[in-house]
Every structure is written in structure tokens, then in C-alpha cells.
Amino acid sequence: MTNSKIRRIHHQGKIGFAVVIVMALAIAVFAGQVVMTELKDAEMDEDVDYFPPFEWVTPEEKRAEAISTGIQYMGVIALLFLGSILFKSIYHDRTPFTKMNVRLLALISLVETVLGVAELALILSSPLEEYTGFLLLISVAIVAYSISLIFKYGLTLQIESDETL
């Protein structure tokens, strides 16, 4: 690889790391506010509330929705945190194809799968009727695992290329 390509990868890793950290902090603050507001509303209402468009929402449904929202935000924050470590690794190693990056992508997949299963357990044990959070978390897990396999193949090709030189 030429020096200009190495510098560009190095610079992109640095920018990606900074962007991901800022996004993770913003989402963490926003998620905390949303979940706390939802839980506070659920605790204040002991009777059934009436919300447009003409739905009856019980406090149990509000609590379940707040917990579901919290799980989804935890998934996004975990994804951003591990993504920032990935970008930092690319920044320091100057190549995306390392064993650590393959493991990080597999870890992202595992974390998102665990959160997806937690979301599914919440859906099955509560009055929630939406499956979008579960499907989103599982989809991210599948994509992350697929990317980890691509990175693993890239690592194999890079090792072969380094050995032939």
C-alpha cells in the first residue's frame, strides 16, 4: 500500500472514531431522558390513559414500552461504543483486517443478539404488540456477523499477500 492510502485510512479511522463517540454520547443522553420520562409517566398514572389516535394505554403497557425503548437504546449505544473501538483500531493499526477487528465485529453481533433476545422475552411477557425493536436488533446482529466474516476473509488474504512479499 502506498503512503497516501495509509494516511487516508489513518485519517478516516480518526474521524470515524470521533464521530462515533459524539453520537454515542448524544444517544445516551437522549435515551436516558426518554426512558426516565416514560417510567415517570407510567408511575404517575395508575388508571388507564387515553391517547390519540383513540388508544387505551395501561401503565403496564407504558412500563413495557419504556423498558423496550431502553433495550433498543442500549443496543445502539453498545453498537456505537464497539464501533468506536473498531475505528480506533483501524486508526492505530492502519488496516481494517486484523484479528481484533474480526473479534470486535463478532462481539457486536453477539451483543446485538443478546439484546434482541431480551427484547423478544419482553415482548412475549408483556402487552407489547410491536416487534420492530426485536427485528432491528437481530438484523443488526446478522449484518455485523456477515461483515466479520468478510473481514476474516480479508485478513486471510492480507496474510497471504504479506507472506508472498
N, C-alpha and C. Protein backbone atom coordinates (compact mmCIF):
# COMPACT_ATOMS: atom_id res chain seq x y z
N MET A 1 0.84 -1.18 0.00
CA MET A 1 0.00 0.00 0.00
C MET A 1 0.89 1.25 0.00
N THR A 2 0.46 2.25 -0.70
CA THR A 2 1.24 3.47 -0.76
C THR A 2 1.02 4.30 0.50
N ASN A 3 1.92 5.24 0.73
CA ASN A 3 1.82 6.09 1.91
C ASN A 3 0.54 6.92 1.91
N SER A 4 0.11 7.40 0.75
CA SER A 4 -1.09 8.22 0.69
C SER A 4 -2.33 7.41 1.08
N LYS A 5 -2.39 6.14 0.66
CA LYS A 5 -3.51 5.29 1.04
C LYS A 5 -3.49 5.01 2.54
N ILE A 6 -2.31 4.76 3.08
CA ILE A 6 -2.18 4.51 4.52
C ILE A 6 -2.61 5.74 5.31
N ARG A 7 -2.17 6.92 4.88
CA ARG A 7 -2.56 8.16 5.56
C ARG A 7 -4.06 8.39 5.48
N ARG A 8 -4.67 8.08 4.33
CA ARG A 8 -6.11 8.26 4.18
C ARG A 8 -6.88 7.31 5.11
N ILE A 9 -6.47 6.05 5.18
CA ILE A 9 -7.11 5.09 6.09
C ILE A 9 -6.93 5.56 7.53
N HIS A 10 -5.75 6.02 7.87
CA HIS A 10 -5.44 6.51 9.20
C HIS A 10 -6.35 7.69 9.56
N HIS A 11 -6.49 8.63 8.63
CA HIS A 11 -7.32 9.81 8.84
C HIS A 11 -8.81 9.43 8.96
N GLN A 12 -9.28 8.53 8.10
CA GLN A 12 -10.69 8.11 8.16
C GLN A 12 -10.99 7.40 9.47
N GLY A 13 -10.06 6.61 9.96
CA GLY A 13 -10.25 5.94 11.24
C GLY A 13 -10.36 6.94 12.37
N LYS A 14 -9.55 7.99 12.32
CA LYS A 14 -9.57 9.04 13.34
C LYS A 14 -10.91 9.79 13.34
N ILE A 15 -11.37 10.16 12.15
CA ILE A 15 -12.65 10.86 12.02
C ILE A 15 -13.80 9.96 12.45
N GLY A 16 -13.79 8.71 12.00
CA GLY A 16 -14.85 7.77 12.37
C GLY A 16 -14.93 7.58 13.87
N PHE A 17 -13.79 7.48 14.54
CA PHE A 17 -13.76 7.32 15.99
C PHE A 17 -14.40 8.52 16.68
N ALA A 18 -14.05 9.73 16.26
CA ALA A 18 -14.60 10.93 16.87
C ALA A 18 -16.11 11.03 16.65
N VAL A 19 -16.56 10.75 15.45
CA VAL A 19 -17.99 10.84 15.13
C VAL A 19 -18.78 9.83 15.96
N VAL A 20 -18.28 8.62 16.06
CA VAL A 20 -18.99 7.58 16.80
C VAL A 20 -19.08 7.91 18.28
N ILE A 21 -18.01 8.44 18.87
CA ILE A 21 -18.04 8.81 20.29
C ILE A 21 -19.07 9.91 20.53
N VAL A 22 -19.10 10.92 19.69
CA VAL A 22 -20.08 12.01 19.86
C VAL A 22 -21.50 11.48 19.71
N MET A 23 -21.73 10.62 18.72
CA MET A 23 -23.07 10.05 18.53
C MET A 23 -23.48 9.19 19.73
N ALA A 24 -22.56 8.40 20.27
CA ALA A 24 -22.88 7.55 21.41
C ALA A 24 -23.25 8.39 22.62
N LEU A 25 -22.53 9.45 22.86
CA LEU A 25 -22.85 10.32 24.00
C LEU A 25 -24.21 10.99 23.81
N ALA A 26 -24.48 11.48 22.62
CA ALA A 26 -25.77 12.13 22.36
C ALA A 26 -26.92 11.15 22.53
N ILE A 27 -26.77 9.94 22.02
CA ILE A 27 -27.83 8.95 22.13
C ILE A 27 -28.00 8.52 23.58
N ALA A 28 -26.91 8.40 24.33
CA ALA A 28 -27.01 8.02 25.74
C ALA A 28 -27.80 9.05 26.53
N VAL A 29 -27.53 10.32 26.30
CA VAL A 29 -28.26 11.38 27.00
C VAL A 29 -29.73 11.35 26.59
N PHE A 30 -29.99 11.27 25.30
CA PHE A 30 -31.37 11.25 24.80
C PHE A 30 -32.11 10.03 25.32
N ALA A 31 -31.47 8.87 25.30
CA ALA A 31 -32.11 7.63 25.77
C ALA A 31 -32.45 7.72 27.23
N GLY A 32 -31.54 8.25 28.03
CA GLY A 32 -31.82 8.40 29.46
C GLY A 32 -33.02 9.29 29.72
N GLN A 33 -33.11 10.37 28.98
CA GLN A 33 -34.24 11.28 29.16
C GLN A 33 -35.56 10.63 28.74
N VAL A 34 -35.56 9.93 27.62
CA VAL A 34 -36.78 9.30 27.12
C VAL A 34 -37.26 8.21 28.08
N VAL A 35 -36.34 7.34 28.50
CA VAL A 35 -36.73 6.24 29.37
C VAL A 35 -37.20 6.76 30.72
N MET A 36 -36.50 7.73 31.29
CA MET A 36 -36.93 8.27 32.58
C MET A 36 -38.28 8.95 32.48
N THR A 37 -38.53 9.67 31.40
CA THR A 37 -39.84 10.30 31.21
C THR A 37 -40.94 9.26 31.09
N GLU A 38 -40.67 8.20 30.31
CA GLU A 38 -41.68 7.15 30.14
C GLU A 38 -41.96 6.46 31.47
N LEU A 39 -40.93 6.15 32.23
CA LEU A 39 -41.14 5.47 33.51
C LEU A 39 -41.85 6.38 34.50
N LYS A 40 -41.51 7.66 34.50
CA LYS A 40 -42.18 8.60 35.40
C LYS A 40 -43.65 8.71 35.04
N ASP A 41 -43.97 8.79 33.76
CA ASP A 41 -45.36 8.84 33.32
C ASP A 41 -46.11 7.57 33.72
N ALA A 42 -45.45 6.43 33.60
CA ALA A 42 -46.09 5.16 33.94
C ALA A 42 -46.36 5.08 35.43
N GLU A 43 -45.47 5.62 36.27
CA GLU A 43 -45.66 5.58 37.72
C GLU A 43 -46.75 6.55 38.16
N MET A 44 -46.87 7.69 37.47
CA MET A 44 -47.87 8.67 37.85
C MET A 44 -49.28 8.21 37.51
N ASP A 45 -49.44 7.46 36.46
CA ASP A 45 -50.76 7.03 36.03
C ASP A 45 -51.06 5.64 36.58
N GLU A 46 -51.99 5.55 37.43
CA GLU A 46 -52.40 4.23 37.92
C GLU A 46 -53.65 3.75 37.21
N ASP A 47 -54.34 4.67 36.57
CA ASP A 47 -55.53 4.31 35.81
C ASP A 47 -55.15 4.22 34.34
N VAL A 48 -56.14 3.93 33.53
CA VAL A 48 -55.92 3.85 32.10
C VAL A 48 -55.91 5.26 31.52
N ASP A 49 -54.94 5.52 30.66
CA ASP A 49 -54.84 6.82 30.00
C ASP A 49 -55.43 6.73 28.61
N TYR A 50 -55.83 7.88 28.12
CA TYR A 50 -56.40 7.96 26.78
C TYR A 50 -55.48 8.81 25.93
N PHE A 51 -54.95 8.22 24.85
CA PHE A 51 -54.08 8.94 23.95
C PHE A 51 -54.66 8.90 22.55
N PRO A 52 -54.57 10.00 21.83
CA PRO A 52 -54.91 9.94 20.42
C PRO A 52 -53.88 9.11 19.71
N PRO A 53 -54.13 8.44 18.68
CA PRO A 53 -55.40 8.31 17.99
C PRO A 53 -56.27 7.20 18.57
N PHE A 54 -56.99 7.53 19.60
CA PHE A 54 -58.02 6.70 20.20
C PHE A 54 -57.52 5.33 20.65
N GLU A 55 -56.45 5.35 21.44
CA GLU A 55 -55.91 4.13 22.02
C GLU A 55 -56.02 4.21 23.54
N TRP A 56 -56.28 3.07 24.13
CA TRP A 56 -56.24 2.97 25.58
C TRP A 56 -54.89 2.38 25.95
N VAL A 57 -54.14 3.09 26.78
CA VAL A 57 -52.80 2.63 27.17
C VAL A 57 -52.77 2.47 28.67
N THR A 58 -52.46 1.27 29.12
CA THR A 58 -52.39 1.00 30.56
C THR A 58 -50.99 1.31 31.07
N PRO A 59 -50.84 1.49 32.39
CA PRO A 59 -49.50 1.73 32.95
C PRO A 59 -48.54 0.57 32.67
N GLU A 60 -49.04 -0.66 32.62
CA GLU A 60 -48.19 -1.81 32.33
C GLU A 60 -47.62 -1.70 30.90
N GLU A 61 -48.47 -1.27 29.98
CA GLU A 61 -48.02 -1.09 28.61
C GLU A 61 -46.98 0.02 28.52
N LYS A 62 -47.17 1.10 29.30
CA LYS A 62 -46.21 2.19 29.31
C LYS A 62 -44.86 1.72 29.85
N ARG A 63 -44.88 0.95 30.95
CA ARG A 63 -43.64 0.43 31.52
C ARG A 63 -42.92 -0.48 30.52
N ALA A 64 -43.69 -1.37 29.91
CA ALA A 64 -43.10 -2.29 28.94
C ALA A 64 -42.50 -1.52 27.76
N GLU A 65 -43.18 -0.49 27.31
CA GLU A 65 -42.67 0.32 26.20
C GLU A 65 -41.40 1.06 26.62
N ALA A 66 -41.36 1.56 27.85
CA ALA A 66 -40.16 2.25 28.33
C ALA A 66 -38.98 1.28 28.42
N ILE A 67 -39.21 0.08 28.91
CA ILE A 67 -38.14 -0.91 29.00
C ILE A 67 -37.68 -1.32 27.61
N SER A 68 -38.63 -1.51 26.70
CA SER A 68 -38.29 -1.86 25.32
C SER A 68 -37.45 -0.77 24.67
N THR A 69 -37.84 0.47 24.89
CA THR A 69 -37.08 1.60 24.35
C THR A 69 -35.67 1.62 24.94
N GLY A 70 -35.56 1.35 26.23
CA GLY A 70 -34.26 1.30 26.88
C GLY A 70 -33.37 0.21 26.29
N ILE A 71 -33.94 -0.96 26.03
CA ILE A 71 -33.17 -2.05 25.43
C ILE A 71 -32.68 -1.66 24.04
N GLN A 72 -33.56 -1.04 23.27
CA GLN A 72 -33.16 -0.63 21.93
C GLN A 72 -32.04 0.41 21.98
N TYR A 73 -32.14 1.38 22.90
CA TYR A 73 -31.09 2.38 23.03
C TYR A 73 -29.80 1.76 23.53
N MET A 74 -29.89 0.79 24.43
CA MET A 74 -28.68 0.10 24.89
C MET A 74 -27.99 -0.58 23.71
N GLY A 75 -28.79 -1.15 22.81
CA GLY A 75 -28.23 -1.78 21.62
C GLY A 75 -27.50 -0.78 20.75
N VAL A 76 -28.09 0.37 20.55
CA VAL A 76 -27.45 1.40 19.72
C VAL A 76 -26.18 1.91 20.40
N ILE A 77 -26.24 2.14 21.71
CA ILE A 77 -25.07 2.63 22.42
C ILE A 77 -23.95 1.59 22.39
N ALA A 78 -24.29 0.32 22.60
CA ALA A 78 -23.27 -0.74 22.54
C ALA A 78 -22.67 -0.81 21.14
N LEU A 79 -23.52 -0.70 20.14
CA LEU A 79 -23.05 -0.71 18.75
C LEU A 79 -22.09 0.45 18.49
N LEU A 80 -22.45 1.63 18.95
CA LEU A 80 -21.59 2.79 18.74
C LEU A 80 -20.29 2.68 19.54
N PHE A 81 -20.37 2.19 20.77
CA PHE A 81 -19.17 2.05 21.58
C PHE A 81 -18.19 1.05 20.95
N LEU A 82 -18.70 -0.12 20.58
CA LEU A 82 -17.82 -1.11 19.95
C LEU A 82 -17.35 -0.63 18.58
N GLY A 83 -18.20 0.11 17.88
CA GLY A 83 -17.80 0.69 16.60
C GLY A 83 -16.67 1.71 16.78
N SER A 84 -16.72 2.47 17.88
CA SER A 84 -15.64 3.43 18.13
C SER A 84 -14.33 2.71 18.40
N ILE A 85 -14.40 1.58 19.11
CA ILE A 85 -13.19 0.79 19.33
C ILE A 85 -12.66 0.26 18.00
N LEU A 86 -13.58 -0.15 17.13
CA LEU A 86 -13.19 -0.64 15.81
C LEU A 86 -12.48 0.45 15.01
N PHE A 87 -13.05 1.65 15.00
CA PHE A 87 -12.43 2.76 14.27
C PHE A 87 -11.08 3.13 14.89
N LYS A 88 -10.99 3.08 16.22
CA LYS A 88 -9.72 3.38 16.87
C LYS A 88 -8.67 2.34 16.49
N SER A 89 -9.09 1.09 16.39
CA SER A 89 -8.17 0.03 15.97
C SER A 89 -7.69 0.27 14.55
N ILE A 90 -8.59 0.65 13.66
CA ILE A 90 -8.21 0.95 12.28
C ILE A 90 -7.25 2.15 12.25
N TYR A 91 -7.52 3.11 13.11
CA TYR A 91 -6.67 4.30 13.20
C TYR A 91 -5.25 3.93 13.62
N HIS A 92 -5.12 3.05 14.62
CA HIS A 92 -3.79 2.70 15.12
C HIS A 92 -3.08 1.65 14.27
N ASP A 93 -3.83 0.66 13.76
CA ASP A 93 -3.20 -0.42 13.01
C ASP A 93 -3.02 -0.09 11.54
N ARG A 94 -3.72 0.91 11.06
CA ARG A 94 -3.65 1.36 9.67
C ARG A 94 -4.17 0.33 8.66
N THR A 95 -4.88 -0.64 9.14
CA THR A 95 -5.55 -1.59 8.26
C THR A 95 -6.77 -2.13 8.98
N PRO A 96 -7.85 -2.35 8.28
CA PRO A 96 -9.04 -2.89 8.95
C PRO A 96 -8.98 -4.40 9.16
N PHE A 97 -8.06 -5.08 8.50
CA PHE A 97 -8.05 -6.53 8.53
C PHE A 97 -7.09 -7.05 9.60
N THR A 98 -7.55 -7.02 10.85
CA THR A 98 -6.79 -7.58 11.96
C THR A 98 -7.68 -8.54 12.74
N LYS A 99 -7.05 -9.40 13.53
CA LYS A 99 -7.82 -10.34 14.34
C LYS A 99 -8.72 -9.60 15.33
N MET A 100 -8.22 -8.50 15.88
CA MET A 100 -9.01 -7.74 16.85
C MET A 100 -10.28 -7.19 16.21
N ASN A 101 -10.18 -6.70 14.99
CA ASN A 101 -11.36 -6.15 14.31
C ASN A 101 -12.37 -7.24 13.99
N VAL A 102 -11.89 -8.41 13.61
CA VAL A 102 -12.80 -9.54 13.35
C VAL A 102 -13.53 -9.91 14.64
N ARG A 103 -12.78 -9.95 15.74
CA ARG A 103 -13.39 -10.27 17.04
C ARG A 103 -14.37 -9.19 17.49
N LEU A 104 -14.02 -7.92 17.25
CA LEU A 104 -14.94 -6.83 17.62
C LEU A 104 -16.26 -6.93 16.86
N LEU A 105 -16.18 -7.23 15.58
CA LEU A 105 -17.41 -7.36 14.80
C LEU A 105 -18.24 -8.56 15.27
N ALA A 106 -17.56 -9.65 15.62
CA ALA A 106 -18.29 -10.80 16.17
C ALA A 106 -18.90 -10.45 17.52
N LEU A 107 -18.20 -9.66 18.33
CA LEU A 107 -18.74 -9.22 19.62
C LEU A 107 -19.95 -8.31 19.43
N ILE A 108 -19.88 -7.42 18.45
CA ILE A 108 -21.04 -6.57 18.14
C ILE A 108 -22.24 -7.46 17.80
N SER A 109 -22.01 -8.46 17.01
CA SER A 109 -23.07 -9.39 16.64
C SER A 109 -23.64 -10.09 17.86
N LEU A 110 -22.77 -10.53 18.75
CA LEU A 110 -23.22 -11.23 19.97
C LEU A 110 -24.02 -10.31 20.87
N VAL A 111 -23.54 -9.08 21.09
CA VAL A 111 -24.24 -8.12 21.95
C VAL A 111 -25.62 -7.81 21.38
N GLU A 112 -25.69 -7.57 20.10
CA GLU A 112 -26.99 -7.26 19.48
C GLU A 112 -27.93 -8.47 19.53
N THR A 113 -27.40 -9.68 19.41
CA THR A 113 -28.24 -10.88 19.52
C THR A 113 -28.80 -11.01 20.93
N VAL A 114 -27.95 -10.79 21.94
CA VAL A 114 -28.41 -10.87 23.34
C VAL A 114 -29.49 -9.83 23.60
N LEU A 115 -29.29 -8.62 23.13
CA LEU A 115 -30.30 -7.58 23.32
C LEU A 115 -31.58 -7.89 22.55
N GLY A 116 -31.44 -8.50 21.38
CA GLY A 116 -32.62 -8.91 20.61
C GLY A 116 -33.41 -9.99 21.34
N VAL A 117 -32.72 -10.94 21.95
CA VAL A 117 -33.40 -11.98 22.72
C VAL A 117 -34.08 -11.36 23.95
N ALA A 118 -33.41 -10.40 24.60
CA ALA A 118 -34.03 -9.72 25.74
C ALA A 118 -35.30 -8.98 25.30
N GLU A 119 -35.23 -8.35 24.15
CA GLU A 119 -36.40 -7.64 23.60
C GLU A 119 -37.52 -8.63 23.30
N LEU A 120 -37.18 -9.78 22.73
CA LEU A 120 -38.19 -10.79 22.43
C LEU A 120 -38.82 -11.32 23.71
N ALA A 121 -38.01 -11.54 24.75
CA ALA A 121 -38.56 -12.00 26.03
C ALA A 121 -39.51 -10.97 26.61
N LEU A 122 -39.17 -9.69 26.48
CA LEU A 122 -40.05 -8.63 26.96
C LEU A 122 -41.35 -8.60 26.17
N ILE A 123 -41.25 -8.77 24.87
CA ILE A 123 -42.44 -8.76 24.02
C ILE A 123 -43.37 -9.92 24.40
N LEU A 124 -42.79 -11.09 24.63
CA LEU A 124 -43.61 -12.26 24.94
C LEU A 124 -44.21 -12.22 26.34
N SER A 125 -43.57 -11.48 27.26
CA SER A 125 -44.06 -11.45 28.63
C SER A 125 -44.85 -10.20 28.98
N SER A 126 -45.10 -9.34 28.02
CA SER A 126 -45.80 -8.08 28.30
C SER A 126 -46.86 -7.84 27.23
N PRO A 127 -47.65 -6.78 27.44
CA PRO A 127 -48.71 -6.49 26.46
C PRO A 127 -48.24 -5.77 25.21
N LEU A 128 -46.92 -5.69 24.97
CA LEU A 128 -46.44 -5.02 23.76
C LEU A 128 -46.88 -5.78 22.51
N GLU A 129 -47.20 -5.05 21.49
CA GLU A 129 -47.63 -5.67 20.25
C GLU A 129 -46.68 -5.37 19.09
N GLU A 130 -45.61 -4.62 19.34
CA GLU A 130 -44.68 -4.27 18.28
C GLU A 130 -43.46 -5.16 18.34
N TYR A 131 -43.04 -5.62 17.18
CA TYR A 131 -41.86 -6.46 17.09
C TYR A 131 -40.71 -5.75 16.38
N THR A 132 -40.83 -4.47 16.16
CA THR A 132 -39.82 -3.76 15.36
C THR A 132 -38.47 -3.72 16.06
N GLY A 133 -38.45 -3.53 17.38
CA GLY A 133 -37.17 -3.48 18.09
C GLY A 133 -36.43 -4.79 18.00
N PHE A 134 -37.14 -5.88 18.19
CA PHE A 134 -36.53 -7.21 18.11
C PHE A 134 -35.97 -7.45 16.71
N LEU A 135 -36.77 -7.16 15.70
CA LEU A 135 -36.32 -7.38 14.33
C LEU A 135 -35.12 -6.51 13.97
N LEU A 136 -35.11 -5.28 14.46
CA LEU A 136 -33.99 -4.38 14.19
C LEU A 136 -32.71 -4.90 14.84
N LEU A 137 -32.78 -5.31 16.09
CA LEU A 137 -31.60 -5.80 16.79
C LEU A 137 -31.05 -7.07 16.15
N ILE A 138 -31.93 -7.99 15.79
CA ILE A 138 -31.48 -9.23 15.16
C ILE A 138 -30.90 -8.95 13.77
N SER A 139 -31.50 -8.01 13.03
CA SER A 139 -30.97 -7.65 11.71
C SER A 139 -29.56 -7.07 11.82
N VAL A 140 -29.35 -6.20 12.80
CA VAL A 140 -28.02 -5.63 13.01
C VAL A 140 -27.02 -6.73 13.37
N ALA A 141 -27.45 -7.69 14.18
CA ALA A 141 -26.58 -8.81 14.56
C ALA A 141 -26.17 -9.62 13.33
N ILE A 142 -27.11 -9.88 12.45
CA ILE A 142 -26.81 -10.65 11.24
C ILE A 142 -25.86 -9.90 10.33
N VAL A 143 -26.09 -8.61 10.16
CA VAL A 143 -25.21 -7.80 9.31
C VAL A 143 -23.81 -7.72 9.91
N ALA A 144 -23.71 -7.51 11.23
CA ALA A 144 -22.39 -7.43 11.87
C ALA A 144 -21.63 -8.74 11.75
N TYR A 145 -22.34 -9.86 11.90
CA TYR A 145 -21.66 -11.15 11.78
C TYR A 145 -21.20 -11.37 10.33
N SER A 146 -22.02 -10.96 9.38
CA SER A 146 -21.63 -11.09 7.97
C SER A 146 -20.39 -10.25 7.67
N ILE A 147 -20.35 -9.05 8.20
CA ILE A 147 -19.18 -8.19 7.99
C ILE A 147 -17.95 -8.79 8.66
N SER A 148 -18.14 -9.42 9.83
CA SER A 148 -16.99 -10.05 10.49
C SER A 148 -16.43 -11.19 9.65
N LEU A 149 -17.31 -11.92 8.96
CA LEU A 149 -16.82 -12.97 8.06
C LEU A 149 -16.06 -12.39 6.87
N ILE A 150 -16.53 -11.26 6.36
CA ILE A 150 -15.83 -10.58 5.27
C ILE A 150 -14.46 -10.11 5.73
N PHE A 151 -14.40 -9.53 6.94
CA PHE A 151 -13.12 -9.09 7.49
C PHE A 151 -12.19 -10.27 7.74
N LYS A 152 -12.74 -11.40 8.15
CA LYS A 152 -11.92 -12.59 8.38
C LYS A 152 -11.30 -13.06 7.06
N TYR A 153 -12.09 -13.03 6.01
CA TYR A 153 -11.56 -13.39 4.69
C TYR A 153 -10.51 -12.38 4.24
N GLY A 154 -10.76 -11.10 4.47
CA GLY A 154 -9.78 -10.07 4.13
C GLY A 154 -8.49 -10.25 4.90
N LEU A 155 -8.59 -10.66 6.17
CA LEU A 155 -7.40 -10.93 6.98
C LEU A 155 -6.60 -12.09 6.39
N THR A 156 -7.32 -13.13 5.97
CA THR A 156 -6.65 -14.28 5.34
C THR A 156 -5.92 -13.85 4.06
N LEU A 157 -6.58 -13.06 3.25
CA LEU A 157 -5.94 -12.58 2.01
C LEU A 157 -4.74 -11.68 2.31
N GLN A 158 -4.86 -10.85 3.34
CA GLN A 158 -3.75 -9.97 3.69
C GLN A 158 -2.56 -10.76 4.21
N ILE A 159 -2.81 -11.79 5.00
CA ILE A 159 -1.71 -12.63 5.50
C ILE A 159 -1.02 -13.34 4.34
N GLU A 160 -1.80 -13.86 3.39
CA GLU A 160 -1.22 -14.50 2.22
C GLU A 160 -0.40 -13.52 1.38
N SER A 161 -0.92 -12.30 1.25
CA SER A 161 -0.21 -11.28 0.49
C SER A 161 1.09 -10.89 1.18
N ASP A 162 1.05 -10.74 2.50
CA ASP A 162 2.26 -10.39 3.24
C ASP A 162 3.30 -11.50 3.17
N GLU A 163 2.87 -12.76 3.13
CA GLU A 163 3.81 -13.87 3.09
C GLU A 163 4.48 -14.00 1.71
N THR A 164 3.77 -13.59 0.67
CA THR A 164 4.35 -13.69 -0.69
C THR A 164 5.35 -12.58 -0.96
N LEU A 165 5.25 -11.50 -0.20
CA LEU A 165 6.21 -10.38 -0.40
C LEU A 165 7.42 -10.67 0.36
